């Protein structure tokens, strides 16, 4: 199950690779596109409102979702209920120790107030996972470096008279910064970090 599946792109790829899939998406128009365009099973609603039986899934994913939720603890509790024993929850969140955060400061797109309700340090996230009953397995930077860097740069340039000219150079800037992105991934200092946590087998 993909929570916050948007128009279903990730779910479609999972389905094509042999997974039986279900999406949950609060924005009705996006959910309808996933149903109409990809013929996916997508529930319009939230994780809490969706009528889904417990112990239903081997894997639940949340790509850039947890920081948008008023109660991430509640979402983790619900995910634990829905996972089979040994099942995985895989989620990505803004990385507070990223190079981008240090570089852009107050203009880092990871802050993204007021859309982001919660941001997590390693310590607070581990405590939250322990409280909700998940076993920590791994973390890794695997996505988001290119787009989020340019979004942060947008924030810097919004009030700059040369902004439009610099934005026209984004493809070149992105290519030049390829080594920066790769190093940030290797050191887990990319702007987005992905965690995989497990429901205990008892």
Protein backbone atom coordinates (compact mmCIF):
# COMPACT_ATOMS: atom_id res chain seq x y z
CA UNK A 1 0.00 0.00 0.00
CA UNK A 2 1.25 3.46 -0.93
CA UNK A 3 -0.06 6.20 1.38
CA UNK A 4 -0.32 9.58 -0.34
CA UNK A 5 -0.01 7.85 -3.72
CA UNK A 6 -0.90 10.99 -5.74
CA UNK A 7 -1.60 10.01 -9.36
CA UNK A 8 -0.25 6.48 -8.86
CA UNK A 9 3.11 6.55 -10.66
CA UNK A 10 4.95 4.56 -7.97
CA UNK A 11 2.08 2.09 -7.55
CA UNK A 12 2.03 1.42 -11.29
CA UNK A 13 5.73 0.57 -11.30
CA UNK A 14 5.24 -1.72 -8.28
CA UNK A 15 2.33 -3.44 -10.02
CA UNK A 16 4.38 -3.97 -13.16
CA UNK A 17 6.99 -5.67 -11.00
CA UNK A 18 4.56 -8.21 -9.63
CA UNK A 19 3.15 -6.52 -6.51
CA UNK A 20 -0.53 -6.52 -5.61
CA UNK A 21 -1.13 -2.83 -4.86
CA UNK A 22 -3.50 -0.42 -3.14
CA UNK A 23 -3.26 3.37 -2.88
CA UNK A 24 -4.61 5.89 -0.41
CA UNK A 25 -4.78 9.53 -1.55
CA UNK A 26 -6.60 12.44 0.15
CA UNK A 27 -6.85 14.61 -2.99
CA UNK A 28 -9.82 13.37 -4.97
CA UNK A 29 -8.65 14.59 -8.37
CA UNK A 30 -5.26 12.86 -8.03
CA UNK A 31 -6.90 9.63 -6.84
CA UNK A 32 -9.27 9.70 -9.81
CA UNK A 33 -6.38 10.10 -12.25
CA UNK A 34 -4.71 7.03 -10.71
CA UNK A 35 -7.93 5.05 -11.15
CA UNK A 36 -8.73 6.28 -14.66
CA UNK A 37 -5.27 6.46 -16.22
CA UNK A 38 -3.57 3.47 -14.57
CA UNK A 39 -6.66 1.44 -13.57
CA UNK A 40 -5.33 1.21 -10.01
CA UNK A 41 -7.30 0.53 -6.85
CA UNK A 42 -7.03 3.81 -4.95
CA UNK A 43 -9.05 4.89 -1.92
CA UNK A 44 -9.85 8.60 -1.70
CA UNK A 45 -9.18 9.54 1.90
CA UNK A 46 -6.55 9.34 4.61
CA UNK A 47 -4.83 6.45 6.34
CA UNK A 48 -7.18 6.87 9.31
CA UNK A 49 -10.39 7.16 7.31
CA UNK A 50 -9.69 4.28 4.90
CA UNK A 51 -11.68 1.16 5.79
CA UNK A 52 -8.93 -1.46 5.51
CA UNK A 53 -8.67 -4.69 7.54
CA UNK A 54 -5.77 -5.10 9.94
CA UNK A 55 -2.77 -7.27 9.06
CA UNK A 56 -3.25 -6.79 5.32
CA UNK A 57 0.12 -5.74 3.89
CA UNK A 58 3.69 -6.92 3.46
CA UNK A 59 4.90 -3.39 2.69
CA UNK A 60 3.52 0.12 3.26
CA UNK A 61 5.23 3.12 1.65
CA UNK A 62 4.97 6.83 2.45
CA UNK A 63 7.01 9.01 0.10
CA UNK A 64 7.32 12.54 1.58
CA UNK A 65 4.12 12.10 3.59
CA UNK A 66 4.94 11.81 7.30
CA UNK A 67 6.05 15.44 7.66
CA UNK A 68 2.66 16.61 6.30
CA UNK A 69 0.59 14.77 8.90
CA UNK A 70 -0.73 16.50 12.04
CA UNK A 71 -0.14 13.25 13.99
CA UNK A 72 2.73 11.13 12.63
CA UNK A 73 2.50 8.98 15.75
CA UNK A 74 -1.09 8.06 14.91
CA UNK A 75 -0.09 7.26 11.33
CA UNK A 76 2.68 4.95 12.54
CA UNK A 77 0.31 3.18 14.94
CA UNK A 78 -2.18 2.64 12.10
CA UNK A 79 0.58 1.38 9.79
CA UNK A 80 1.66 -1.13 12.43
CA UNK A 81 -1.93 -2.42 12.63
CA UNK A 82 -2.14 -2.85 8.86
CA UNK A 83 1.19 -4.63 8.39
CA UNK A 84 1.64 -8.36 8.65
CA UNK A 85 4.23 -9.55 11.23
CA UNK A 86 7.65 -8.88 9.75
CA UNK A 87 6.17 -6.38 7.29
CA UNK A 88 8.05 -3.25 6.26
CA UNK A 89 7.16 0.42 6.44
CA UNK A 90 9.31 2.42 4.02
CA UNK A 91 9.11 6.21 4.24
CA UNK A 92 11.06 9.28 3.18
CA UNK A 93 11.33 12.55 5.11
CA UNK A 94 13.34 15.79 4.90
CA UNK A 95 16.87 15.22 6.17
CA UNK A 96 17.75 17.72 8.91
CA UNK A 97 21.48 16.95 8.63
CA UNK A 98 21.57 17.38 4.85
CA UNK A 99 24.20 19.44 3.05
CA UNK A 100 21.35 21.40 1.44
CA UNK A 101 20.01 22.50 4.81
CA UNK A 102 23.45 23.83 5.78
CA UNK A 103 23.90 25.50 2.39
CA UNK A 104 20.50 27.19 2.09
CA UNK A 105 19.69 27.86 5.75
CA UNK A 106 16.28 29.51 6.11
CA UNK A 107 15.64 29.02 2.37
CA UNK A 108 15.97 25.22 2.49
CA UNK A 109 12.82 23.73 0.95
CA UNK A 110 12.69 21.08 3.67
CA UNK A 111 11.24 23.62 6.11
CA UNK A 112 8.28 24.24 3.75
CA UNK A 113 6.02 25.86 6.35
CA UNK A 114 3.09 25.68 6.74
CA UNK A 115 2.76 22.49 4.67
CA UNK A 116 5.23 20.60 6.86
CA UNK A 117 3.84 20.06 10.35
CA UNK A 118 6.73 17.95 11.68
CA UNK A 119 10.43 17.52 11.00
CA UNK A 120 12.48 14.81 12.66
CA UNK A 121 15.99 14.54 13.98
CA UNK A 122 17.47 11.04 14.18
CA UNK A 123 16.90 11.04 17.94
CA UNK A 124 13.23 12.11 17.82
CA UNK A 125 12.47 9.69 14.99
CA UNK A 126 14.06 6.74 16.78
CA UNK A 127 12.06 7.60 19.90
CA UNK A 128 8.86 7.79 17.87
CA UNK A 129 9.55 4.43 16.22
CA UNK A 130 10.27 2.82 19.59
CA UNK A 131 7.08 4.27 21.07
CA UNK A 132 4.92 2.98 18.22
CA UNK A 133 6.46 -0.50 18.22
CA UNK A 134 8.59 -0.55 15.07
CA UNK A 135 12.03 -2.12 14.77
CA UNK A 136 14.56 0.11 13.02
CA UNK A 137 16.31 -1.58 10.10
CA UNK A 138 18.06 0.86 7.77
CA UNK A 139 18.23 4.39 6.37
CA UNK A 140 19.65 5.68 3.11
CA UNK A 141 19.54 8.70 0.79
CA UNK A 142 18.22 7.35 -2.51
CA UNK A 143 16.13 10.12 -4.09
CA UNK A 144 15.22 13.79 -4.35
CA UNK A 145 18.60 15.51 -4.54
CA UNK A 146 18.11 17.18 -7.91
CA UNK A 147 14.58 18.55 -7.53
CA UNK A 148 14.88 19.68 -3.93
CA UNK A 149 18.14 21.55 -4.57
CA UNK A 150 16.48 23.53 -7.35
CA UNK A 151 13.40 24.22 -5.21
CA UNK A 152 15.64 25.60 -2.48
CA UNK A 153 17.45 27.71 -5.07
CA UNK A 154 14.04 29.00 -6.19
CA UNK A 155 13.45 30.23 -2.64
CA UNK A 156 16.73 32.15 -2.71
CA UNK A 157 16.06 33.68 -6.13
CA UNK A 158 12.42 34.67 -5.66
CA UNK A 159 13.32 38.21 -4.60
CA UNK A 160 16.46 38.51 -6.72
CA UNK A 161 16.43 40.75 -9.79
CA UNK A 162 18.67 38.25 -11.60
CA UNK A 163 16.51 35.28 -10.62
CA UNK A 164 14.86 34.64 -13.99
CA UNK A 165 18.20 34.64 -15.77
CA UNK A 166 19.74 32.21 -13.31
CA UNK A 167 16.69 29.92 -13.51
CA UNK A 168 17.25 29.57 -17.25
CA UNK A 169 20.58 27.93 -16.35
CA UNK A 170 18.99 25.25 -14.13
CA UNK A 171 19.76 22.34 -16.52
CA UNK A 172 23.44 23.36 -16.57
CA UNK A 173 23.54 23.93 -12.80
CA UNK A 174 21.95 20.52 -12.21
CA UNK A 175 24.52 18.79 -14.42
CA UNK A 176 27.43 20.54 -12.71
CA UNK A 177 26.11 19.51 -9.29
CA UNK A 178 25.93 15.78 -10.10
CA UNK A 179 29.08 15.00 -8.01
CA UNK A 180 27.67 17.02 -5.08
CA UNK A 181 24.47 14.96 -5.16
CA UNK A 182 26.30 11.65 -5.33
CA UNK A 183 28.57 12.51 -2.40
CA UNK A 184 25.59 13.67 -0.34
CA UNK A 185 23.85 10.34 -1.03
CA UNK A 186 26.91 8.29 -0.07
CA UNK A 187 27.25 10.15 3.24
CA UNK A 188 23.48 10.13 3.96
CA UNK A 189 23.50 13.91 3.72
CA UNK A 190 21.03 14.24 0.85
CA UNK A 191 18.00 16.51 1.33
CA UNK A 192 15.63 13.54 1.64
CA UNK A 193 16.36 10.40 3.65
CA UNK A 194 14.51 7.10 3.38
CA UNK A 195 13.95 4.74 6.30
CA UNK A 196 12.86 1.11 6.29
CA UNK A 197 11.40 -0.13 9.59
CA UNK A 198 9.84 -3.47 10.47
CA UNK A 199 6.84 -4.71 12.39
CA UNK A 200 8.19 -7.24 14.92
CA UNK A 201 7.48 -10.93 14.44
CA UNK A 202 5.94 -12.19 17.67
